Protein backbone atom coordinates (compact mmCIF):
# COMPACT_ATOMS: atom_id res chain seq x y z
CA MET A 1 -114.69 7.89 -35.55
CA THR A 2 -115.96 9.25 -32.50
CA THR A 3 -118.21 7.32 -29.75
CA ARG A 4 -121.18 10.02 -31.48
CA GLU A 5 -120.75 9.05 -34.54
CA MET A 6 -120.42 5.52 -33.90
CA THR A 7 -123.75 5.36 -32.12
CA SER A 8 -125.31 7.59 -35.18
CA HIS A 9 -123.95 4.88 -37.75
CA LEU A 10 -125.05 1.99 -35.77
CA GLU A 11 -128.69 3.55 -35.59
CA GLU A 12 -129.07 4.36 -38.81
CA ALA A 13 -127.88 0.96 -39.50
CA LEU A 14 -130.32 -0.91 -37.73
CA SER A 15 -133.26 1.36 -39.26
CA ARG A 16 -132.20 0.07 -42.45
CA TRP A 17 -132.14 -3.15 -41.35
CA GLU A 18 -135.43 -2.88 -39.90
CA GLU A 19 -136.99 -1.42 -42.79
CA GLN A 20 -135.40 -3.16 -45.38
CA THR A 21 -135.12 -6.37 -44.18
CA LEU A 22 -136.76 -7.33 -41.29
CA ARG A 23 -140.09 -5.19 -42.38
CA PRO A 24 -140.89 -7.83 -45.61
CA THR A 25 -140.05 -10.55 -43.69
CA LEU A 26 -142.68 -10.32 -40.88
CA ALA A 27 -145.27 -9.61 -43.67
CA ARG A 28 -144.37 -12.91 -45.17
CA LEU A 29 -143.90 -14.89 -41.81
CA PRO A 30 -145.50 -12.84 -38.45
CA GLU A 31 -143.73 -14.03 -35.37
CA ARG A 32 -144.87 -16.89 -33.01
CA ALA A 33 -146.24 -14.32 -30.49
CA ALA A 34 -147.06 -10.51 -29.62
CA GLU A 35 -144.00 -10.19 -27.09
CA PHE A 36 -141.37 -12.84 -26.13
CA THR A 37 -140.34 -13.05 -22.30
CA THR A 38 -138.46 -14.82 -20.11
CA THR A 39 -139.41 -17.40 -17.84
CA SER A 40 -139.57 -14.73 -15.29
CA LEU A 41 -141.84 -12.64 -18.05
CA ARG A 42 -139.24 -10.18 -18.29
CA PRO A 43 -139.95 -8.84 -21.77
CA ILE A 44 -136.84 -10.08 -24.68
CA LYS A 45 -136.33 -7.89 -27.66
CA ARG A 46 -135.70 -8.92 -30.93
CA LEU A 47 -132.40 -7.82 -31.72
CA TYR A 48 -129.76 -7.32 -29.06
CA THR A 49 -126.44 -4.46 -30.96
CA PRO A 50 -124.16 -2.71 -29.61
CA LEU A 51 -126.40 0.01 -28.58
CA ASP A 52 -128.14 -2.02 -25.94
CA VAL A 53 -124.23 -2.40 -24.24
CA GLN A 54 -122.65 1.29 -25.14
CA HIS A 55 -122.44 2.82 -21.69
CA LEU A 56 -121.20 -0.39 -20.89
CA ASP A 57 -117.13 0.04 -19.93
CA PHE A 58 -114.87 -2.90 -19.99
CA GLU A 59 -112.68 -2.57 -17.20
CA ARG A 60 -115.44 -1.13 -14.61
CA ASP A 61 -118.53 -2.75 -15.91
CA ILE A 62 -116.98 -6.43 -17.46
CA GLY A 63 -113.26 -6.78 -16.38
CA PHE A 64 -110.85 -9.66 -15.94
CA PRO A 65 -111.94 -13.00 -14.24
CA GLY A 66 -110.27 -13.41 -10.61
CA GLU A 67 -110.27 -9.64 -10.62
CA TYR A 68 -113.27 -6.76 -9.24
CA PRO A 69 -116.08 -6.45 -9.98
CA PHE A 70 -115.84 -10.42 -10.84
CA THR A 71 -118.40 -10.48 -13.52
CA ARG A 72 -116.60 -12.83 -15.19
CA GLY A 73 -115.68 -15.21 -12.71
CA ILE A 74 -113.94 -15.30 -8.78
CA HIS A 75 -110.84 -17.49 -9.95
CA PRO A 76 -108.04 -16.19 -12.98
CA THR A 77 -108.36 -19.32 -15.18
CA MET A 78 -112.28 -21.14 -13.46
CA TYR A 79 -112.51 -24.21 -14.76
CA ARG A 80 -109.20 -24.64 -16.84
CA GLY A 81 -107.45 -25.27 -13.34
CA LYS A 82 -110.27 -26.95 -11.20
CA LEU A 83 -113.67 -28.05 -12.03
CA TRP A 84 -116.44 -26.62 -10.11
CA THR A 85 -117.33 -29.58 -6.64
CA MET A 86 -120.07 -31.88 -7.87
CA ARG A 87 -122.19 -32.19 -4.11
CA GLN A 88 -125.23 -34.53 -5.16
CA PHE A 89 -127.77 -33.30 -2.61
CA ALA A 90 -128.59 -36.87 -0.76
CA GLY A 91 -130.25 -38.15 2.06
CA PHE A 92 -133.08 -40.50 3.03
CA GLY A 93 -134.03 -43.04 5.80
CA THR A 94 -131.41 -43.70 8.72
CA ALA A 95 -128.42 -42.67 8.77
CA PHE A 96 -127.07 -46.20 7.97
CA ASP A 97 -129.47 -46.27 4.67
CA THR A 98 -127.61 -42.22 3.93
CA ASN A 99 -124.07 -43.31 4.99
CA LYS A 100 -124.48 -45.99 1.97
CA ARG A 101 -125.78 -43.71 -0.45
CA PHE A 102 -122.69 -41.30 0.68
CA LYS A 103 -120.50 -43.82 -0.16
CA TYR A 104 -121.80 -45.08 -3.74
CA LEU A 105 -122.08 -41.73 -4.88
CA LEU A 106 -118.50 -40.82 -4.00
CA GLU A 107 -117.56 -44.05 -5.24
CA GLN A 108 -119.55 -42.71 -8.83
CA GLY A 109 -116.70 -39.89 -8.45
CA GLN A 110 -118.83 -37.27 -6.52
CA THR A 111 -116.38 -34.45 -5.09
CA GLY A 112 -118.48 -33.31 -2.48
CA LEU A 113 -120.97 -34.27 0.33
CA SER A 114 -124.37 -32.89 0.86
CA VAL A 115 -126.88 -33.76 3.29
CA ALA A 116 -130.54 -33.68 2.88
CA PHE A 117 -132.70 -33.86 6.27
CA ASP A 118 -136.05 -34.90 6.89
CA LEU A 119 -138.78 -32.37 7.79
CA PRO A 120 -138.33 -33.30 11.58
CA THR A 121 -134.65 -32.66 12.04
CA LEU A 122 -135.42 -29.35 10.04
CA MET A 123 -137.95 -28.03 12.25
CA GLY A 124 -135.43 -29.32 15.57
CA LEU A 125 -137.93 -32.23 16.48
CA ASP A 126 -136.71 -35.45 17.44
CA SER A 127 -137.81 -38.13 15.70
CA ASP A 128 -139.75 -39.69 18.19
CA HIS A 129 -142.00 -36.18 18.42
CA PRO A 130 -145.18 -36.87 18.01
CA LEU A 131 -145.68 -34.00 15.33
CA ALA A 132 -142.77 -35.97 13.56
CA GLU A 133 -145.51 -38.67 13.10
CA GLY A 134 -145.48 -39.78 9.57
CA GLU A 135 -142.41 -37.80 8.37
CA VAL A 136 -139.40 -39.28 9.65
CA GLY A 137 -136.44 -40.08 6.97
CA LYS A 138 -139.51 -39.86 4.15
CA CYS A 139 -137.79 -36.19 2.75
CA GLY A 140 -134.16 -36.70 3.98
CA VAL A 141 -132.12 -38.43 6.53
CA ALA A 142 -133.23 -38.39 10.04
CA VAL A 143 -131.29 -37.08 12.42
CA SER A 144 -131.86 -36.44 16.64
CA SER A 145 -128.45 -37.44 17.97
CA LEU A 146 -124.92 -37.33 17.89
CA GLU A 147 -125.48 -41.08 17.18
CA ASP A 148 -127.12 -40.28 14.55
CA MET A 149 -124.44 -38.07 12.85
CA GLU A 150 -121.86 -41.02 13.82
CA VAL A 151 -123.50 -43.27 11.61
CA LEU A 152 -123.86 -40.81 9.22
CA PHE A 153 -120.06 -40.33 8.47
CA ASP A 154 -118.97 -43.60 9.31
CA GLY A 155 -115.70 -44.50 6.68
CA ILE A 156 -116.09 -40.71 5.60
CA PRO A 157 -112.89 -39.33 7.18
CA LEU A 158 -114.16 -35.42 7.25
CA GLU A 159 -110.93 -33.89 6.70
CA ASP A 160 -110.83 -35.04 3.08
CA VAL A 161 -113.90 -34.09 1.96
CA THR A 162 -116.11 -31.24 1.88
CA THR A 163 -119.63 -31.30 3.43
CA SER A 164 -122.65 -29.32 2.80
CA MET A 165 -125.88 -29.22 4.67
CA THR A 166 -129.00 -27.97 4.25
CA ILE A 167 -130.62 -26.95 7.71
CA ASN A 168 -131.11 -23.77 9.12
CA ALA A 169 -133.51 -22.51 12.29
CA PRO A 170 -131.25 -25.40 14.05
CA ALA A 171 -128.20 -25.31 11.99
CA ALA A 172 -125.71 -24.45 15.11
CA VAL A 173 -126.55 -28.18 16.93
CA ILE A 174 -126.59 -30.05 13.62
CA PHE A 175 -123.54 -28.03 13.41
CA ALA A 176 -121.86 -29.10 16.51
CA MET A 177 -122.91 -32.72 16.20
CA TYR A 178 -120.21 -32.76 13.02
CA LEU A 179 -117.94 -30.98 14.43
CA VAL A 180 -117.82 -33.59 17.32
CA VAL A 181 -117.76 -36.51 14.75
CA ALA A 182 -115.03 -34.90 13.55
CA GLU A 183 -113.02 -34.39 16.66
CA LYS A 184 -114.35 -38.47 17.36
CA GLN A 185 -112.21 -39.06 13.92
CA GLY A 186 -109.24 -37.32 15.21
CA ALA A 187 -109.79 -34.58 12.42
CA ASP A 188 -108.41 -31.06 12.86
CA TRP A 189 -111.02 -28.17 12.89
CA LYS A 190 -108.75 -25.99 11.18
CA LYS A 191 -108.53 -28.41 8.42
CA ILE A 192 -112.20 -29.63 7.61
CA SER A 193 -114.22 -27.89 5.09
CA GLY A 194 -117.82 -27.81 3.69
CA THR A 195 -120.77 -25.35 4.46
CA ILE A 196 -123.74 -25.27 6.40
CA GLN A 197 -126.78 -23.51 5.03
CA ASN A 198 -128.21 -21.07 8.24
CA ASP A 199 -130.05 -19.00 6.29
CA ILE A 200 -133.49 -18.49 8.69
CA LEU A 201 -134.38 -14.74 6.63
CA LYS A 202 -135.31 -17.16 3.37
CA GLU A 203 -136.64 -19.56 6.04
CA TYR A 204 -139.14 -16.17 7.24
CA ILE A 205 -139.33 -15.49 3.28
CA ALA A 206 -140.31 -19.10 1.33
CA GLN A 207 -139.28 -22.01 2.94
CA LYS A 208 -141.05 -21.30 6.24
CA GLU A 209 -139.12 -23.63 8.45
CA TRP A 210 -138.42 -21.44 11.63
CA ILE A 211 -138.53 -21.98 15.19
CA TYR A 212 -137.53 -19.17 17.00
CA PRO A 213 -138.28 -15.14 16.46
CA PRO A 214 -135.51 -13.41 13.90
CA ALA A 215 -133.63 -11.66 16.77
CA PRO A 216 -132.34 -14.59 18.63
CA SER A 217 -132.31 -16.43 15.45
CA MET A 218 -130.05 -14.00 14.05
CA ARG A 219 -127.52 -14.32 17.26
CA LEU A 220 -127.15 -18.02 16.99
CA ILE A 221 -126.21 -17.36 13.27
CA VAL A 222 -123.76 -14.25 14.38
CA ASP A 223 -122.48 -17.01 16.55
CA THR A 224 -121.94 -19.57 14.66
CA ILE A 225 -119.83 -17.06 12.20
CA ALA A 226 -117.86 -15.71 14.65
CA PHE A 227 -117.14 -19.61 16.07
CA CYS A 228 -115.82 -20.61 12.89
CA THR A 229 -113.84 -17.35 12.20
CA ARG A 230 -111.87 -18.40 15.08
CA GLU A 231 -112.14 -22.23 15.35
CA VAL A 232 -113.12 -23.43 11.74
CA PRO A 233 -111.43 -20.90 9.55
CA ARG A 234 -111.87 -23.19 5.98
CA TRP A 235 -115.85 -23.69 6.75
CA HIS A 236 -118.59 -22.01 5.72
CA PRO A 237 -120.39 -20.67 8.21
CA ILE A 238 -123.64 -19.49 6.21
CA SER A 239 -124.61 -20.31 2.82
CA ILE A 240 -127.02 -17.49 1.88
CA SER A 241 -130.19 -19.01 -0.44
CA GLY A 242 -132.17 -17.65 -2.77
CA TYR A 243 -133.30 -21.91 -4.13
CA HIS A 244 -135.84 -21.94 -2.06
CA ILE A 245 -136.85 -18.00 -2.38
CA ARG A 246 -137.38 -19.41 -6.68
CA GLU A 247 -138.55 -22.46 -6.03
CA ALA A 248 -141.93 -20.45 -3.63
CA GLY A 249 -142.41 -18.88 -7.23
CA ALA A 250 -139.81 -15.45 -7.40
CA THR A 251 -138.61 -14.71 -10.57
CA ALA A 252 -134.51 -14.90 -11.13
CA LEU A 253 -134.24 -10.75 -10.48
CA GLN A 254 -136.31 -11.26 -7.07
CA GLU A 255 -134.07 -14.83 -5.90
CA LEU A 256 -130.95 -12.38 -6.66
CA ALA A 257 -132.16 -9.16 -5.21
CA PHE A 258 -134.35 -10.83 -2.29
CA THR A 259 -131.13 -13.19 -1.62
CA LEU A 260 -128.01 -10.68 -1.68
CA ARG A 261 -129.98 -8.42 0.56
CA ASP A 262 -130.55 -11.24 2.92
CA GLY A 263 -126.72 -11.38 3.05
CA ILE A 264 -126.40 -8.00 3.20
CA GLU A 265 -128.41 -7.65 7.06
CA TYR A 266 -126.41 -11.38 8.16
CA VAL A 267 -123.01 -8.59 7.31
CA GLU A 268 -124.42 -6.12 9.04
CA TRP A 269 -125.56 -7.55 11.99
CA CYS A 270 -122.34 -9.43 12.06
CA VAL A 271 -120.51 -5.61 12.58
CA ARG A 272 -122.87 -4.94 14.61
CA ALA A 273 -121.21 -7.76 16.94
CA GLY A 274 -118.01 -5.61 16.94
CA LEU A 275 -116.51 -8.78 14.07
CA ASP A 276 -113.99 -7.26 11.33
CA VAL A 277 -116.18 -7.36 7.95
CA ASP A 278 -112.72 -9.08 5.79
CA ALA A 279 -112.63 -11.13 8.83
CA PHE A 280 -115.28 -13.08 8.15
CA ALA A 281 -116.51 -12.06 5.06
CA PRO A 282 -114.51 -14.52 2.80
CA ARG A 283 -116.01 -17.56 4.03
CA LEU A 284 -119.54 -16.58 3.96
CA SER A 285 -121.49 -17.94 0.44
CA PHE A 286 -124.26 -18.10 -1.50
CA PHE A 287 -126.96 -20.79 -2.84
CA PHE A 288 -129.03 -20.07 -6.33
CA ASN A 289 -131.52 -21.76 -8.18
CA CYS A 290 -130.80 -22.42 -11.68
CA HIS A 291 -133.94 -22.64 -13.53
CA ASN A 292 -134.99 -23.30 -17.30
CA ASP A 293 -134.47 -19.56 -18.88
CA PHE A 294 -130.71 -20.25 -20.10
CA PHE A 295 -129.74 -16.40 -21.05
CA GLU A 296 -131.63 -15.13 -18.26
CA GLU A 297 -130.15 -17.32 -15.35
CA ILE A 298 -126.53 -16.79 -17.03
CA ALA A 299 -126.82 -13.35 -16.54
CA LYS A 300 -128.06 -13.55 -12.78
CA PHE A 301 -125.21 -15.48 -12.11
CA ARG A 302 -123.25 -12.59 -13.51
CA ALA A 303 -124.86 -9.95 -12.28
CA ALA A 304 -124.50 -11.66 -8.79
CA ARG A 305 -120.95 -11.08 -8.46
CA LYS A 306 -120.46 -7.47 -9.55
CA VAL A 307 -123.46 -6.46 -7.39
CA TRP A 308 -121.62 -8.06 -4.32
CA ALA A 309 -118.57 -7.06 -5.02
CA ARG A 310 -119.72 -3.36 -4.62
CA VAL A 311 -121.64 -3.72 -1.85
CA MET A 312 -118.67 -5.64 0.04
CA ARG A 313 -116.44 -2.84 -0.96
CA GLU A 314 -118.62 0.33 -0.79
CA ARG A 315 -120.85 -0.45 1.72
CA PHE A 316 -119.06 -2.38 4.01
CA GLY A 317 -115.55 -1.16 3.31
CA ALA A 318 -114.04 -4.40 2.71
CA ARG A 319 -110.86 -4.33 1.98
CA ASP A 320 -109.44 -7.69 1.23
CA PRO A 321 -110.57 -8.86 -2.26
CA ARG A 322 -111.61 -12.38 -0.76
CA SER A 323 -114.53 -10.51 0.95
CA TRP A 324 -115.83 -9.26 -2.42
CA MET A 325 -115.99 -12.00 -4.20
CA CYS A 326 -119.64 -14.24 -4.56
CA ARG A 327 -118.51 -17.75 -3.76
CA PHE A 328 -121.82 -20.08 -4.68
CA HIS A 329 -123.32 -23.06 -5.01
CA THR A 330 -126.37 -23.91 -7.66
CA GLN A 331 -129.34 -26.91 -8.04
CA THR A 332 -130.98 -27.06 -10.78
CA ALA A 333 -134.73 -26.31 -10.59
CA GLY A 334 -136.92 -28.43 -8.55
CA CYS A 335 -139.98 -26.66 -9.54
CA SER A 336 -139.31 -27.09 -12.83
CA LEU A 337 -139.51 -30.93 -12.65
CA THR A 338 -142.44 -32.72 -14.08
CA ALA A 339 -144.39 -35.78 -13.04
CA GLN A 340 -145.51 -36.17 -16.83
CA GLN A 341 -143.15 -37.66 -18.68
CA PRO A 342 -140.35 -37.61 -15.99
CA TYR A 343 -137.80 -38.75 -18.00
CA ASN A 344 -137.91 -35.06 -20.30
CA ASN A 345 -136.59 -34.00 -16.82
CA VAL A 346 -133.30 -35.19 -17.92
CA VAL A 347 -132.93 -32.53 -20.53
CA ARG A 348 -134.13 -29.61 -18.41
CA THR A 349 -131.56 -30.33 -16.23
CA THR A 350 -129.01 -30.68 -18.35
CA ILE A 351 -129.91 -27.14 -19.74
CA GLN A 352 -129.65 -25.75 -16.76
CA ALA A 353 -126.66 -27.63 -15.61
CA LEU A 354 -124.73 -26.04 -18.77
CA ALA A 355 -126.30 -22.36 -17.93
CA ALA A 356 -124.89 -23.06 -13.47
CA VAL A 357 -121.74 -23.85 -15.01
CA LEU A 358 -121.18 -20.94 -18.04
CA GLY A 359 -122.61 -18.69 -15.35
CA GLY A 360 -119.44 -19.63 -13.39
CA THR A 361 -120.92 -21.79 -9.95
CA GLN A 362 -118.11 -23.09 -7.58
CA SER A 363 -120.24 -26.50 -7.01
CA LEU A 364 -123.47 -27.90 -8.57
CA HIS A 365 -125.99 -30.46 -7.16
CA THR A 366 -128.39 -31.42 -10.61
CA ASN A 367 -131.79 -32.98 -9.49
CA ALA A 368 -132.63 -36.01 -10.82
CA LEU A 369 -135.59 -37.15 -13.06
CA ASP A 370 -138.00 -39.02 -10.90
CA GLU A 371 -137.39 -36.16 -8.01
CA ALA A 372 -141.16 -34.93 -8.77
CA LEU A 373 -142.18 -38.31 -7.83
CA ALA A 374 -139.81 -38.65 -4.72
CA LEU A 375 -136.47 -39.16 -3.56
CA PRO A 376 -133.91 -40.56 -5.84
CA THR A 377 -133.20 -44.06 -6.39
CA GLU A 378 -129.50 -45.25 -6.93
CA PHE A 379 -129.56 -45.36 -10.55
CA THR A 380 -131.05 -41.82 -11.08
CA ALA A 381 -128.93 -40.24 -8.52
CA MET A 382 -126.08 -41.54 -10.77
CA LEU A 383 -127.55 -40.07 -13.44
CA ALA A 384 -127.79 -36.84 -12.39
CA LEU A 385 -124.28 -36.87 -11.09
CA ARG A 386 -123.00 -38.32 -15.03
CA THR A 387 -124.87 -35.56 -16.53
CA GLN A 388 -122.23 -33.21 -14.89
CA GLN A 389 -119.40 -35.00 -15.75
CA ILE A 390 -120.23 -35.20 -19.41
CA ILE A 391 -120.64 -31.23 -19.36
CA ALA A 392 -117.39 -31.11 -17.96
CA HIS A 393 -115.18 -33.48 -20.08
CA GLU A 394 -117.16 -33.44 -23.04
CA SER A 395 -118.70 -30.32 -23.72
CA GLY A 396 -115.51 -28.10 -24.00
CA VAL A 397 -116.97 -25.32 -22.39
CA VAL A 398 -115.01 -25.47 -19.81
CA ASN A 399 -111.76 -24.94 -22.06
CA THR A 400 -111.84 -20.94 -21.79
CA VAL A 401 -113.48 -18.35 -18.74
CA ASP A 402 -117.01 -16.82 -19.13
CA PRO A 403 -117.23 -17.75 -23.06
CA LEU A 404 -120.34 -15.53 -23.36
CA ALA A 405 -118.45 -12.53 -22.37
CA GLY A 406 -119.24 -9.55 -24.59
CA SER A 407 -122.79 -11.07 -25.98
CA TYR A 408 -124.93 -7.62 -26.75
CA PHE A 409 -127.33 -10.04 -25.01
CA VAL A 410 -125.84 -11.61 -22.34
CA GLU A 411 -124.44 -8.24 -21.61
CA ALA A 412 -127.76 -6.28 -21.43
CA LEU A 413 -129.36 -9.14 -19.48
CA THR A 414 -126.68 -8.67 -16.95
CA ASN A 415 -126.82 -5.02 -16.59
CA GLU A 416 -130.76 -4.94 -16.07
CA MET A 417 -130.02 -7.72 -13.20
CA GLU A 418 -127.60 -5.28 -11.33
CA GLN A 419 -129.64 -2.33 -12.05
CA GLY A 420 -132.97 -4.79 -10.36
CA CYS A 421 -131.37 -5.72 -7.75
CA TYR A 422 -129.61 -1.82 -6.40
CA GLU A 423 -133.69 -1.03 -6.79
CA TYR A 424 -135.08 -3.79 -4.68
CA PHE A 425 -132.26 -2.81 -2.05
CA GLU A 426 -133.31 0.83 -1.64
CA LYS A 427 -136.92 -0.10 -1.30
CA ILE A 428 -136.02 -2.79 1.83
CA ASP A 429 -133.65 -0.15 2.76
CA ALA A 430 -136.57 2.60 3.05
CA MET A 431 -138.55 0.08 5.26
CA GLY A 432 -135.48 -0.31 7.76
CA GLY A 433 -133.93 -3.74 6.41
CA MET A 434 -134.84 -6.96 5.69
CA ILE A 435 -135.99 -8.20 9.09
CA ALA A 436 -138.46 -4.90 9.14
CA ALA A 437 -139.14 -5.70 4.89
CA ILE A 438 -140.29 -9.10 6.28
CA GLU A 439 -142.57 -7.90 9.28
CA ARG A 440 -144.65 -6.35 6.38
CA GLY A 441 -144.43 -9.12 4.41
CA PHE A 442 -142.94 -7.30 1.30
CA PRO A 443 -140.71 -10.34 -0.03
CA GLN A 444 -143.45 -12.53 0.75
CA LYS A 445 -145.74 -10.60 -1.34
CA GLU A 446 -144.04 -10.28 -3.92
CA ILE A 447 -142.94 -13.56 -4.39
CA GLN A 448 -146.95 -14.71 -4.41
CA GLU A 449 -147.29 -12.10 -6.75
CA ALA A 450 -144.84 -13.13 -9.20
CA ALA A 451 -146.02 -17.13 -8.94
CA TYR A 452 -149.27 -15.94 -9.59
CA ARG A 453 -148.58 -13.92 -12.53
CA TYR A 454 -146.88 -17.31 -13.44
CA GLN A 455 -149.44 -19.91 -12.92
CA GLN A 456 -151.49 -17.40 -15.31
CA ALA A 457 -148.97 -17.36 -17.93
CA VAL A 458 -149.33 -21.44 -17.68
CA ASP A 459 -153.00 -21.61 -17.85
CA ARG A 460 -153.30 -19.50 -20.77
CA ARG A 461 -150.48 -21.92 -22.57
CA GLU A 462 -148.58 -18.32 -22.86
CA LYS A 463 -145.86 -20.56 -21.54
CA ILE A 464 -145.38 -23.97 -22.82
CA ILE A 465 -144.52 -26.55 -20.81
CA VAL A 466 -143.72 -29.80 -22.25
CA GLY A 467 -145.98 -32.86 -21.53
CA VAL A 468 -148.17 -30.61 -18.78
CA ASN A 469 -150.28 -28.16 -21.25
CA GLU A 470 -148.70 -28.91 -24.43
CA TYR A 471 -147.55 -32.54 -25.98
CA VAL A 472 -149.08 -34.63 -23.51
CA LEU A 473 -149.94 -37.70 -23.59
CA GLU A 474 -152.82 -40.06 -21.90
CA LYS A 475 -150.39 -42.47 -20.39
CA GLU A 476 -146.80 -42.44 -19.30
CA PRO A 477 -145.25 -45.07 -21.85
CA ILE A 478 -142.31 -45.95 -19.46
CA GLU A 479 -143.01 -46.56 -15.94
CA VAL A 480 -140.63 -45.03 -13.38
CA PRO A 481 -139.35 -47.08 -10.87
CA ILE A 482 -139.69 -44.88 -7.24
CA LEU A 483 -138.12 -45.32 -3.62
CA TYR A 484 -140.40 -45.63 -0.94
CA ILE A 485 -139.70 -44.91 2.28
CA ASP A 486 -141.96 -47.31 4.88
CA GLU A 487 -142.64 -46.83 8.59
CA SER A 488 -140.04 -49.05 9.88
CA VAL A 489 -137.56 -46.03 9.84
CA ALA A 490 -139.56 -44.10 12.44
CA GLU A 491 -139.78 -47.58 14.51
CA ILE A 492 -135.92 -48.14 13.86
CA GLN A 493 -135.53 -44.40 14.63
CA LYS A 494 -137.83 -44.54 18.12
CA GLU A 495 -135.94 -47.53 19.47
CA ARG A 496 -132.13 -45.99 18.91
CA LEU A 497 -134.19 -42.92 21.03
CA ARG A 498 -135.42 -45.06 23.94
CA ARG A 499 -131.91 -46.88 24.26
CA LEU A 500 -129.87 -43.92 23.81
CA ARG A 501 -131.63 -41.84 26.42
CA ALA A 502 -131.57 -45.14 28.98
CA GLN A 503 -127.46 -45.74 28.28
CA ARG A 504 -126.33 -41.90 28.43
CA ASP A 505 -125.13 -39.85 31.42
CA ASN A 506 -128.50 -38.12 31.69
CA THR A 507 -126.97 -35.77 34.82
CA ARG A 508 -124.54 -34.73 32.49
CA VAL A 509 -127.01 -33.79 29.97
CA ARG A 510 -129.57 -31.87 32.13
CA ARG A 511 -125.98 -30.06 33.51
CA THR A 512 -125.01 -29.01 30.21
CA LEU A 513 -128.92 -27.95 28.59
CA GLU A 514 -128.71 -25.80 31.85
CA ALA A 515 -125.65 -23.91 31.56
CA LEU A 516 -126.82 -23.42 27.66
CA LYS A 517 -129.61 -22.09 28.59
CA GLU A 518 -127.63 -19.51 31.56
CA ALA A 519 -125.29 -18.71 28.21
CA ALA A 520 -128.54 -17.82 26.02
CA ARG A 521 -129.83 -15.47 28.40
CA GLY A 522 -127.11 -13.80 28.28
CA THR A 523 -124.55 -12.34 25.82
CA GLU A 524 -122.12 -15.25 25.87
CA ASN A 525 -121.03 -17.20 22.19
CA THR A 526 -123.99 -20.21 22.42
CA MET A 527 -121.54 -22.81 20.42
CA PRO A 528 -119.34 -23.74 23.01
CA TYR A 529 -122.47 -24.49 25.31
CA ILE A 530 -124.34 -26.39 22.48
CA LEU A 531 -121.15 -28.44 21.74
CA GLU A 532 -120.81 -29.26 25.20
CA CYS A 533 -124.77 -30.55 25.04
CA VAL A 534 -124.21 -32.53 21.69
CA ARG A 535 -120.88 -34.35 23.37
CA ALA A 536 -123.60 -35.41 26.03
CA TYR A 537 -125.61 -37.15 23.64
CA ALA A 538 -128.17 -34.57 24.55
CA THR A 539 -130.43 -34.91 21.12
CA LEU A 540 -131.66 -32.13 19.16
CA GLY A 541 -135.30 -31.90 20.25
CA GLU A 542 -133.68 -31.86 24.13
CA ILE A 543 -131.02 -28.49 22.42
CA CYS A 544 -134.04 -26.97 20.93
CA ASP A 545 -136.06 -26.93 23.32
CA ALA A 546 -134.09 -25.97 26.00
CA LEU A 547 -133.42 -22.63 23.57
CA LYS A 548 -137.26 -22.19 23.12
CA GLU A 549 -137.38 -21.71 26.70
CA VAL A 550 -135.34 -18.81 26.15
CA PHE A 551 -136.11 -17.70 23.12
CA GLY A 552 -139.60 -18.19 22.59
CA GLU A 553 -140.87 -19.37 19.10
CA TYR A 554 -141.60 -17.71 15.95
CA GLN A 555 -145.11 -17.40 14.93
CA GLU A 556 -145.68 -15.80 11.46
CA PRO A 557 -148.15 -12.76 11.38
CA PRO A 558 -150.68 -12.15 9.33
CA PHE A 559 -150.29 -10.08 5.87
């Protein structure tokens, strides 16, 4: 039978099914809604058949794992060879508090560290800055100097553990602190591995934790990538992040498209700076959200690999297959967690984590059940880790590679995600690139409108959130213990900073800061100068302020 004959046969069979089987059933039992949609409000058909994927070519569009276009995974054996890195996001209070939590999680079987910093650190402020008041150690660990970083990783050999650090505007400074700690441990920079987020574009789009304007911020990122390419070759110098874009209200497609287009922007800047794409692209990494809609999320991850492979090979002419691979970390969706009936969050997180694994993630963080209320307690952090371990060792989903490949539904969704990505790329390219699009407010407006539409669907109860707009309880049956961070953390940090400034060589500090400013005014790579500031125990705030004198500060324009 020819392809045309097969298509005609399937169309006739589908029409017969609709008339003879479906129609009488609908007459007796109408469907629950006029339209079914994903979490992103994307319409979903009643039934998917070979007709929905007839245009797909197996080798071109799906292929084999470990081969272009990597739709089915970047490794030939995936989790049969090595499980994903189980990397619980952790950080609170002082470096002493978080160091203790790190060691506990490692004892429980966690296989990688992931550092959450407090808001002052994320903004490049020392713990004793007036604007840090009330925020020190509250949403993550307070790190103001090399001294704090030394405590944070005390007793943790950095050659033996991979570390991810979620920091953006002051990423180069925090990374320099990590490198100096490794240096003091006697570790070889060429052997340490991990990731620094270092993604300023999504800050302008969604999270809003910036310091400098776009151009100097991009200069710092390119400097970090160039430095790592030469000096820290196993390190991922950037984790291009869709997580915060999704948390701000983006759809799955918007998260995917804006994240990958940010990645294109970073590659373009590096290439313009004279870097060989195959020298740095294999160490680029991504960070995605995994929300509640099981199949939509799996399709998003599969499409991400396919789109990035094509972009790197065709748009940038990368020749090394490692440059085509989209490596990514996943975190379950914080915005999906509810303060109402918080134990339901264990179920939500399990579904999301399972989708991330079936989507082929390289590392994973599972949110704790109490994170809509506070930072995780030791118990809830352990339970979140156990969720990953049960999926890995008891569910059986790791036994074969990309088990949902060939599903008419999944392949159709994957293709829709891919095509939607390219449509967004065309719009952003026409604006002059992602920075130009951000300055026009394009991605910000797209996300705001998507968030508004979703909230309307929740308010109309078209989207049910269990315990919030349906199945509501008047009183919570179980009180959840929460982790409380008091103001003593700020007092401890202030005293440590006062003592540090009194004991260090302040002449050396001033000299290194002046050298950094001079380098920032020119074209030299700033990383070696930041490292010298850190070695002299200049604080995070002092280093960031020195760069502010040269680069200025960013003010978001009104849209």
